[in-house]
Each structure stands twice: as C-alpha cells, then as structure tokens.
Amino acid sequence: MAVLYKRWNEPKSRFGDLMVVTFMVMQCLDGVFTYMGVRIWGPAIEANPLVSSAMSTAGVAAGLGGAKMMAIGFGMLLHLRRVHYVVALLAAIYFMVAIVPWAALFLTH
C-alpha cells in the first residue's frame, strides 16, 4: 500500500499531472459520446444505470453533466491524495470500457 500513497509535502509529479488530465479527457470524451449516442439511439443506449437514472431524472444534459463532473471530482480527489497510479489505471480502464466501445459503435453505424 505504501507504493500507492504519497505524502502531501512531496513535490509535484509530472506523471500525476498527465494522468489526471488524461482521466479528465476520458471523462469528457465519454460525456460527448454518450450525449451523441443518446441523441441518435435514445436513452436505452446508456449501459450505466446510475447515469441513466440521472439522465431520466434531470434531463440528458444535466444528468450526464452532473455524473461527469462527479467522476472528474473524484479523479481530482485521488490526484490530490497523490494516488497517481490509481488515476492512471482508471483512465486506462475507462478508455477500454467506454471510449473504445462508443467509437466502435459510431464507426460501424
């Protein structure tokens, strides 16, 4: 566990900064792709039940925007806690399970 956590007073990490920006880009891309997918194919296309519920309750833009802002906020919290490898892992996982499927869906239809 000591590898994942770093003290607050350590110097800034370029790797950590790059990973949190990458994480935010992944969130923004997923938000745009989800918005486009919902507009093209309807709200049933969204696989995440939490995001789907937020969109049905608050509207597509507000629900999706709120969910993405919350995800970015949690990513920033991890970054501020200096858990950069976790942020990097989440960005990579997000790329594989959200961005690639949306891109494949848009390219095939």
Protein backbone atom coordinates (compact mmCIF):
# COMPACT_ATOMS: atom_id res chain seq x y z
CA MET A 1 0.00 0.00 0.00
CA ALA A 2 2.96 2.32 0.58
CA VAL A 3 3.55 2.41 -3.18
CA LEU A 4 0.09 3.81 -3.93
CA TYR A 5 0.09 6.58 -1.33
CA LYS A 6 2.49 9.52 -1.15
CA ARG A 7 2.89 12.22 1.45
CA TRP A 8 1.29 15.65 0.93
CA ASN A 9 4.58 17.52 1.11
CA GLU A 10 6.24 15.68 -1.78
CA PRO A 11 6.99 17.71 -4.92
CA LYS A 12 4.59 17.86 -7.83
CA SER A 13 4.54 14.89 -10.14
CA ARG A 14 4.53 15.39 -13.90
CA PHE A 15 3.26 11.84 -14.27
CA GLY A 16 0.41 12.57 -11.87
CA ASP A 17 -0.49 15.79 -13.66
CA LEU A 18 -0.50 13.99 -17.02
CA MET A 19 -2.64 11.16 -15.66
CA VAL A 20 -5.26 13.42 -14.12
CA VAL A 21 -5.52 15.38 -17.38
CA THR A 22 -5.83 12.09 -19.28
CA PHE A 23 -8.56 10.99 -16.87
CA MET A 24 -10.44 14.26 -17.42
CA VAL A 25 -10.13 13.91 -21.20
CA MET A 26 -11.54 10.37 -20.98
CA GLN A 27 -14.49 11.67 -18.95
CA CYS A 28 -15.16 14.50 -21.40
CA LEU A 29 -14.94 12.18 -24.41
CA ASP A 30 -17.31 9.73 -22.77
CA GLY A 31 -19.70 12.58 -21.98
CA VAL A 32 -19.70 13.77 -25.58
CA PHE A 33 -20.02 10.23 -26.97
CA THR A 34 -22.82 9.38 -24.55
CA TYR A 35 -24.69 12.56 -25.42
CA MET A 36 -24.35 11.81 -29.13
CA GLY A 37 -25.40 8.18 -28.59
CA VAL A 38 -28.47 9.15 -26.58
CA ARG A 39 -29.47 11.70 -29.22
CA ILE A 40 -29.05 9.17 -32.05
CA TRP A 41 -30.31 5.91 -30.47
CA GLY A 42 -32.27 7.06 -27.42
CA PRO A 43 -31.65 6.79 -23.68
CA ALA A 44 -31.68 2.98 -23.67
CA ILE A 45 -28.19 3.01 -25.19
CA GLU A 46 -26.63 4.10 -21.88
CA ALA A 47 -25.41 0.99 -20.03
CA ASN A 48 -24.60 2.61 -16.67
CA PRO A 49 -27.77 2.53 -14.54
CA LEU A 50 -26.62 5.45 -12.35
CA VAL A 51 -26.00 7.71 -15.34
CA SER A 52 -29.20 6.51 -17.00
CA SER A 53 -31.19 7.33 -13.84
CA ALA A 54 -29.57 10.76 -13.58
CA MET A 55 -30.42 11.49 -17.21
CA SER A 56 -34.03 10.38 -16.82
CA THR A 57 -34.41 12.45 -13.64
CA ALA A 58 -32.61 15.68 -14.54
CA GLY A 59 -32.58 15.54 -18.32
CA VAL A 60 -29.88 14.32 -20.66
CA ALA A 61 -27.51 17.29 -20.46
CA ALA A 62 -27.90 17.97 -16.73
CA GLY A 63 -27.82 14.32 -15.66
CA LEU A 64 -24.88 13.45 -17.84
CA GLY A 65 -23.04 16.65 -16.95
CA GLY A 66 -23.58 16.06 -13.25
CA ALA A 67 -22.35 12.47 -13.48
CA LYS A 68 -19.24 13.51 -15.40
CA MET A 69 -18.49 16.37 -13.00
CA MET A 70 -18.78 13.98 -10.07
CA ALA A 71 -16.42 11.50 -11.74
CA ILE A 72 -13.92 14.27 -12.51
CA GLY A 73 -14.20 15.48 -8.93
CA PHE A 74 -13.38 12.02 -7.58
CA GLY A 75 -10.47 11.76 -10.01
CA MET A 76 -9.17 15.12 -8.79
CA LEU A 77 -9.51 13.93 -5.20
CA LEU A 78 -7.38 10.88 -5.99
CA HIS A 79 -4.85 13.16 -7.70
CA LEU A 80 -4.70 15.45 -4.70
CA ARG A 81 -4.15 12.44 -2.45
CA ARG A 82 -1.18 11.61 -4.70
CA VAL A 83 -2.61 8.26 -5.81
CA HIS A 84 -1.44 8.76 -9.39
CA TYR A 85 -1.15 5.09 -10.34
CA VAL A 86 -4.80 4.55 -9.46
CA VAL A 87 -5.80 7.54 -11.60
CA ALA A 88 -3.70 6.13 -14.46
CA LEU A 89 -5.32 2.72 -14.06
CA LEU A 90 -8.82 4.24 -14.03
CA ALA A 91 -8.05 6.29 -17.16
CA ALA A 92 -6.81 3.16 -18.97
CA ILE A 93 -9.82 1.11 -17.87
CA TYR A 94 -12.16 3.91 -18.88
CA PHE A 95 -10.55 4.09 -22.30
CA MET A 96 -11.09 0.37 -22.83
CA VAL A 97 -14.63 0.02 -21.47
CA ALA A 98 -16.15 3.37 -22.50
CA ILE A 99 -14.27 5.16 -25.28
CA VAL A 100 -13.40 2.17 -27.47
CA PRO A 101 -16.97 0.73 -27.45
CA TRP A 102 -18.51 4.13 -28.26
CA ALA A 103 -16.00 4.71 -31.07
CA ALA A 104 -16.67 1.23 -32.47
CA LEU A 105 -20.42 1.82 -32.31
CA PHE A 106 -20.16 5.16 -34.11
CA LEU A 107 -17.81 3.78 -36.77
CA THR A 108 -20.00 0.75 -37.54
CA HIS A 109 -23.31 2.63 -37.77
